[in-house]
Amino acid sequence: MEAAPAPALLSVPQAEVLEDVLREQFGPLPQLAAICRLKRLPSGGYSSTEDLQLVLERRRVANAKERERVSALRRAGPQGHPGSAASRPAARHQTPGR
């Protein structure tokens, strides 16, 4: 009995990087931004000029305000927007046989 031939190796495409795929589909992506002021050091590095705890507290307050703003918008609903359910007349349901 003959031994089965070794399976041929299939070529594998290069690994895709999610960032590259998203950039191709949607264009330029948002970039990270510093949340505090930085000072350039003589060594070429950067150092924060502010107390990190104060910076983080400001971010928490800003994020809480944004969450509250979004919640208020959701509570208000889509009233008055063209094409929204609130601006269209209610559909009448017909029962079969009538």
N, C-alpha and C. Protein backbone atom coordinates (compact mmCIF):
# COMPACT_ATOMS: atom_id res chain seq x y z
N MET A 1 0.84 -1.17 0.00
CA MET A 1 0.00 0.00 0.00
C MET A 1 0.89 1.23 0.00
N GLU A 2 0.55 2.25 -0.84
CA GLU A 2 1.36 3.45 -0.93
C GLU A 2 0.93 4.46 0.13
N ALA A 3 1.89 5.24 0.60
CA ALA A 3 1.59 6.30 1.57
C ALA A 3 0.92 7.46 0.84
N ALA A 4 -0.01 8.08 1.49
CA ALA A 4 -0.71 9.23 0.90
C ALA A 4 0.27 10.37 0.71
N PRO A 5 0.18 11.10 -0.42
CA PRO A 5 1.11 12.21 -0.63
C PRO A 5 0.84 13.33 0.38
N ALA A 6 1.89 14.05 0.74
CA ALA A 6 1.77 15.16 1.69
C ALA A 6 0.90 16.25 1.07
N PRO A 7 0.00 16.85 1.87
CA PRO A 7 -0.86 17.90 1.32
C PRO A 7 -0.01 19.10 0.89
N ALA A 8 -0.40 19.70 -0.20
CA ALA A 8 0.32 20.88 -0.69
C ALA A 8 0.04 22.06 0.24
N LEU A 9 1.05 22.86 0.47
CA LEU A 9 0.87 24.04 1.32
C LEU A 9 0.20 25.14 0.52
N LEU A 10 -0.78 25.75 1.13
CA LEU A 10 -1.49 26.85 0.48
C LEU A 10 -0.85 28.16 0.89
N SER A 11 -0.79 29.08 -0.03
CA SER A 11 -0.24 30.38 0.33
C SER A 11 -1.27 31.13 1.18
N VAL A 12 -0.78 31.82 2.13
CA VAL A 12 -1.64 32.56 3.05
C VAL A 12 -1.45 34.05 2.78
N PRO A 13 -2.54 34.80 2.64
CA PRO A 13 -2.39 36.23 2.40
C PRO A 13 -1.75 36.91 3.61
N GLN A 14 -1.13 38.05 3.35
CA GLN A 14 -0.51 38.80 4.44
C GLN A 14 -1.58 39.23 5.44
N ALA A 15 -1.16 39.32 6.67
CA ALA A 15 -2.11 39.71 7.72
C ALA A 15 -2.62 41.13 7.46
N GLU A 16 -3.92 41.32 7.65
CA GLU A 16 -4.50 42.64 7.49
C GLU A 16 -4.45 43.36 8.83
N VAL A 17 -4.23 44.61 8.77
CA VAL A 17 -4.25 45.43 9.98
C VAL A 17 -5.57 46.19 9.95
N LEU A 18 -6.33 46.08 11.02
CA LEU A 18 -7.66 46.68 11.08
C LEU A 18 -7.62 48.17 10.73
N GLU A 19 -6.62 48.85 11.23
CA GLU A 19 -6.52 50.28 10.96
C GLU A 19 -6.43 50.55 9.45
N ASP A 20 -5.65 49.74 8.74
CA ASP A 20 -5.51 49.92 7.28
C ASP A 20 -6.83 49.67 6.57
N VAL A 21 -7.53 48.62 6.99
CA VAL A 21 -8.81 48.29 6.35
C VAL A 21 -9.82 49.40 6.59
N LEU A 22 -9.91 49.89 7.83
CA LEU A 22 -10.86 50.96 8.14
C LEU A 22 -10.50 52.25 7.40
N ARG A 23 -9.21 52.54 7.29
CA ARG A 23 -8.79 53.75 6.59
C ARG A 23 -9.18 53.67 5.11
N GLU A 24 -9.06 52.48 4.52
CA GLU A 24 -9.46 52.32 3.12
C GLU A 24 -10.96 52.55 2.94
N GLN A 25 -11.76 52.07 3.89
CA GLN A 25 -13.21 52.18 3.78
C GLN A 25 -13.73 53.56 4.13
N PHE A 26 -13.17 54.18 5.19
CA PHE A 26 -13.76 55.40 5.73
C PHE A 26 -12.90 56.64 5.61
N GLY A 27 -11.70 56.52 5.08
CA GLY A 27 -10.82 57.68 4.98
C GLY A 27 -10.02 57.86 6.26
N PRO A 28 -9.51 59.06 6.50
CA PRO A 28 -8.65 59.29 7.68
C PRO A 28 -9.39 58.97 8.98
N LEU A 29 -8.70 58.32 9.88
CA LEU A 29 -9.27 57.94 11.17
C LEU A 29 -8.91 58.97 12.24
N PRO A 30 -9.71 59.05 13.30
CA PRO A 30 -9.38 59.97 14.40
C PRO A 30 -8.03 59.59 15.02
N GLN A 31 -7.31 60.59 15.48
CA GLN A 31 -6.01 60.37 16.11
C GLN A 31 -6.14 60.62 17.61
N LEU A 32 -5.29 59.96 18.37
CA LEU A 32 -5.26 60.19 19.81
C LEU A 32 -4.79 61.61 20.10
N ALA A 33 -5.32 62.21 21.15
CA ALA A 33 -4.92 63.56 21.53
C ALA A 33 -4.59 63.57 23.02
N ALA A 34 -3.62 64.38 23.37
CA ALA A 34 -3.24 64.50 24.77
C ALA A 34 -4.38 65.18 25.53
N ILE A 35 -4.61 64.76 26.77
CA ILE A 35 -5.66 65.38 27.57
C ILE A 35 -5.08 66.37 28.56
N CYS A 36 -3.77 66.60 28.48
CA CYS A 36 -3.14 67.58 29.36
C CYS A 36 -2.02 68.29 28.59
N ARG A 37 -1.58 69.40 29.14
CA ARG A 37 -0.50 70.14 28.50
C ARG A 37 0.81 69.41 28.76
N LEU A 38 1.63 69.34 27.72
CA LEU A 38 2.92 68.66 27.84
C LEU A 38 4.05 69.66 27.59
N LYS A 39 5.14 69.45 28.30
CA LYS A 39 6.32 70.30 28.14
C LYS A 39 7.43 69.42 27.60
N ARG A 40 8.11 69.90 26.55
CA ARG A 40 9.20 69.13 25.97
C ARG A 40 10.43 69.25 26.85
N LEU A 41 11.03 68.12 27.15
CA LEU A 41 12.24 68.08 27.97
C LEU A 41 13.48 68.17 27.09
N PRO A 42 14.61 68.61 27.65
CA PRO A 42 15.85 68.66 26.87
C PRO A 42 16.24 67.30 26.29
N SER A 43 15.82 66.24 26.94
CA SER A 43 16.16 64.89 26.47
C SER A 43 15.35 64.50 25.24
N GLY A 44 14.33 65.30 24.89
CA GLY A 44 13.48 65.00 23.74
C GLY A 44 12.15 64.39 24.14
N GLY A 45 12.02 63.97 25.39
CA GLY A 45 10.76 63.41 25.87
C GLY A 45 9.80 64.51 26.28
N TYR A 46 8.64 64.11 26.81
CA TYR A 46 7.64 65.07 27.23
C TYR A 46 7.25 64.81 28.68
N SER A 47 6.89 65.87 29.38
CA SER A 47 6.47 65.77 30.77
C SER A 47 5.21 66.60 30.94
N SER A 48 4.28 66.12 31.74
CA SER A 48 3.04 66.83 31.98
C SER A 48 3.30 68.06 32.83
N THR A 49 2.68 69.17 32.49
CA THR A 49 2.84 70.40 33.27
C THR A 49 1.74 70.54 34.31
N GLU A 50 0.80 69.59 34.33
CA GLU A 50 -0.33 69.66 35.25
C GLU A 50 -0.37 68.43 36.13
N ASP A 51 -1.08 68.54 37.23
CA ASP A 51 -1.27 67.40 38.12
C ASP A 51 -2.21 66.40 37.43
N LEU A 52 -1.77 65.18 37.28
CA LEU A 52 -2.55 64.17 36.55
C LEU A 52 -3.92 63.95 37.18
N GLN A 53 -4.03 64.00 38.50
CA GLN A 53 -5.32 63.79 39.16
C GLN A 53 -6.32 64.89 38.79
N LEU A 54 -5.85 66.14 38.69
CA LEU A 54 -6.73 67.24 38.29
C LEU A 54 -7.19 67.06 36.84
N VAL A 55 -6.27 66.65 35.98
CA VAL A 55 -6.60 66.43 34.58
C VAL A 55 -7.66 65.34 34.47
N LEU A 56 -7.47 64.23 35.18
CA LEU A 56 -8.41 63.12 35.12
C LEU A 56 -9.77 63.52 35.69
N GLU A 57 -9.78 64.33 36.74
CA GLU A 57 -11.05 64.79 37.32
C GLU A 57 -11.80 65.67 36.32
N ARG A 58 -11.08 66.56 35.62
CA ARG A 58 -11.72 67.38 34.60
C ARG A 58 -12.32 66.51 33.50
N ARG A 59 -11.62 65.46 33.09
CA ARG A 59 -12.13 64.56 32.05
C ARG A 59 -13.38 63.83 32.56
N ARG A 60 -13.37 63.40 33.82
CA ARG A 60 -14.55 62.72 34.38
C ARG A 60 -15.76 63.64 34.36
N VAL A 61 -15.56 64.90 34.75
CA VAL A 61 -16.66 65.88 34.77
C VAL A 61 -17.16 66.12 33.35
N ALA A 62 -16.24 66.30 32.41
CA ALA A 62 -16.64 66.54 31.02
C ALA A 62 -17.38 65.33 30.45
N ASN A 63 -16.92 64.13 30.76
CA ASN A 63 -17.59 62.92 30.27
C ASN A 63 -18.98 62.78 30.89
N ALA A 64 -19.11 63.10 32.17
CA ALA A 64 -20.42 63.02 32.84
C ALA A 64 -21.39 64.02 32.20
N LYS A 65 -20.91 65.23 31.89
CA LYS A 65 -21.77 66.23 31.23
C LYS A 65 -22.21 65.74 29.86
N GLU A 66 -21.30 65.14 29.12
CA GLU A 66 -21.64 64.63 27.79
C GLU A 66 -22.66 63.50 27.88
N ARG A 67 -22.48 62.59 28.85
CA ARG A 67 -23.47 61.51 29.04
C ARG A 67 -24.84 62.09 29.37
N GLU A 68 -24.88 63.12 30.21
CA GLU A 68 -26.15 63.75 30.58
C GLU A 68 -26.78 64.42 29.36
N ARG A 69 -25.97 65.07 28.52
CA ARG A 69 -26.48 65.72 27.32
C ARG A 69 -27.09 64.69 26.37
N VAL A 70 -26.41 63.55 26.19
CA VAL A 70 -26.92 62.50 25.31
C VAL A 70 -28.20 61.90 25.90
N SER A 71 -28.23 61.71 27.21
CA SER A 71 -29.44 61.17 27.85
C SER A 71 -30.63 62.11 27.65
N ALA A 72 -30.37 63.42 27.78
CA ALA A 72 -31.45 64.40 27.59
C ALA A 72 -31.96 64.35 26.15
N LEU A 73 -31.05 64.21 25.20
CA LEU A 73 -31.47 64.12 23.79
C LEU A 73 -32.31 62.87 23.56
N ARG A 74 -31.91 61.77 24.16
CA ARG A 74 -32.66 60.52 23.99
C ARG A 74 -34.03 60.61 24.65
N ARG A 75 -34.10 61.27 25.81
CA ARG A 75 -35.39 61.42 26.49
C ARG A 75 -36.33 62.29 25.66
N ALA A 76 -35.78 63.32 25.00
CA ALA A 76 -36.60 64.21 24.19
C ALA A 76 -37.15 63.48 22.98
N GLY A 77 -36.41 62.51 22.47
CA GLY A 77 -36.87 61.72 21.35
C GLY A 77 -36.74 62.46 20.04
N PRO A 78 -37.17 61.81 18.96
CA PRO A 78 -37.01 62.40 17.63
C PRO A 78 -38.18 63.29 17.23
N GLN A 79 -38.88 63.88 18.19
CA GLN A 79 -40.08 64.66 17.90
C GLN A 79 -39.75 65.83 16.99
N GLY A 80 -40.54 65.95 15.95
CA GLY A 80 -40.40 67.08 15.07
C GLY A 80 -39.38 66.91 13.97
N HIS A 81 -38.61 65.84 13.99
CA HIS A 81 -37.65 65.62 12.92
C HIS A 81 -38.37 65.05 11.70
N PRO A 82 -38.06 65.55 10.50
CA PRO A 82 -38.71 65.02 9.30
C PRO A 82 -38.44 63.53 9.16
N GLY A 83 -39.46 62.79 8.87
CA GLY A 83 -39.30 61.35 8.68
C GLY A 83 -39.40 60.55 9.95
N SER A 84 -39.53 61.22 11.09
CA SER A 84 -39.63 60.47 12.34
C SER A 84 -41.06 59.96 12.52
N ALA A 85 -41.22 58.98 13.37
CA ALA A 85 -42.54 58.40 13.61
C ALA A 85 -43.50 59.44 14.18
N ALA A 86 -42.97 60.41 14.93
CA ALA A 86 -43.83 61.42 15.54
C ALA A 86 -44.42 62.36 14.50
N SER A 87 -43.74 62.55 13.35
CA SER A 87 -44.25 63.48 12.35
C SER A 87 -45.10 62.81 11.28
N ARG A 88 -45.21 61.47 11.33
CA ARG A 88 -46.03 60.74 10.35
C ARG A 88 -47.37 60.38 10.98
N PRO A 89 -48.42 60.35 10.16
CA PRO A 89 -49.71 59.92 10.70
C PRO A 89 -49.65 58.44 11.07
N ALA A 90 -50.42 58.08 12.04
CA ALA A 90 -50.44 56.67 12.49
C ALA A 90 -51.03 55.79 11.40
N ALA A 91 -50.46 54.61 11.24
CA ALA A 91 -50.95 53.66 10.24
C ALA A 91 -52.19 52.96 10.79
N ARG A 92 -53.16 52.75 9.90
CA ARG A 92 -54.38 52.04 10.33
C ARG A 92 -54.21 50.57 10.02
N HIS A 93 -54.48 49.76 11.01
CA HIS A 93 -54.38 48.32 10.84
C HIS A 93 -55.73 47.79 10.38
N GLN A 94 -55.74 47.01 9.32
CA GLN A 94 -56.96 46.44 8.85
C GLN A 94 -56.98 44.95 9.24
N THR A 95 -58.12 44.54 9.72
CA THR A 95 -58.25 43.13 10.07
C THR A 95 -58.83 42.38 8.88
N PRO A 96 -58.39 41.18 8.60
CA PRO A 96 -58.90 40.43 7.46
C PRO A 96 -60.39 40.15 7.62
N GLY A 97 -61.14 40.22 6.50
CA GLY A 97 -62.55 39.85 6.51
C GLY A 97 -63.46 41.03 6.77
N ARG A 98 -62.95 42.21 6.93
CA ARG A 98 -63.81 43.38 7.15
C ARG A 98 -63.87 44.24 5.96
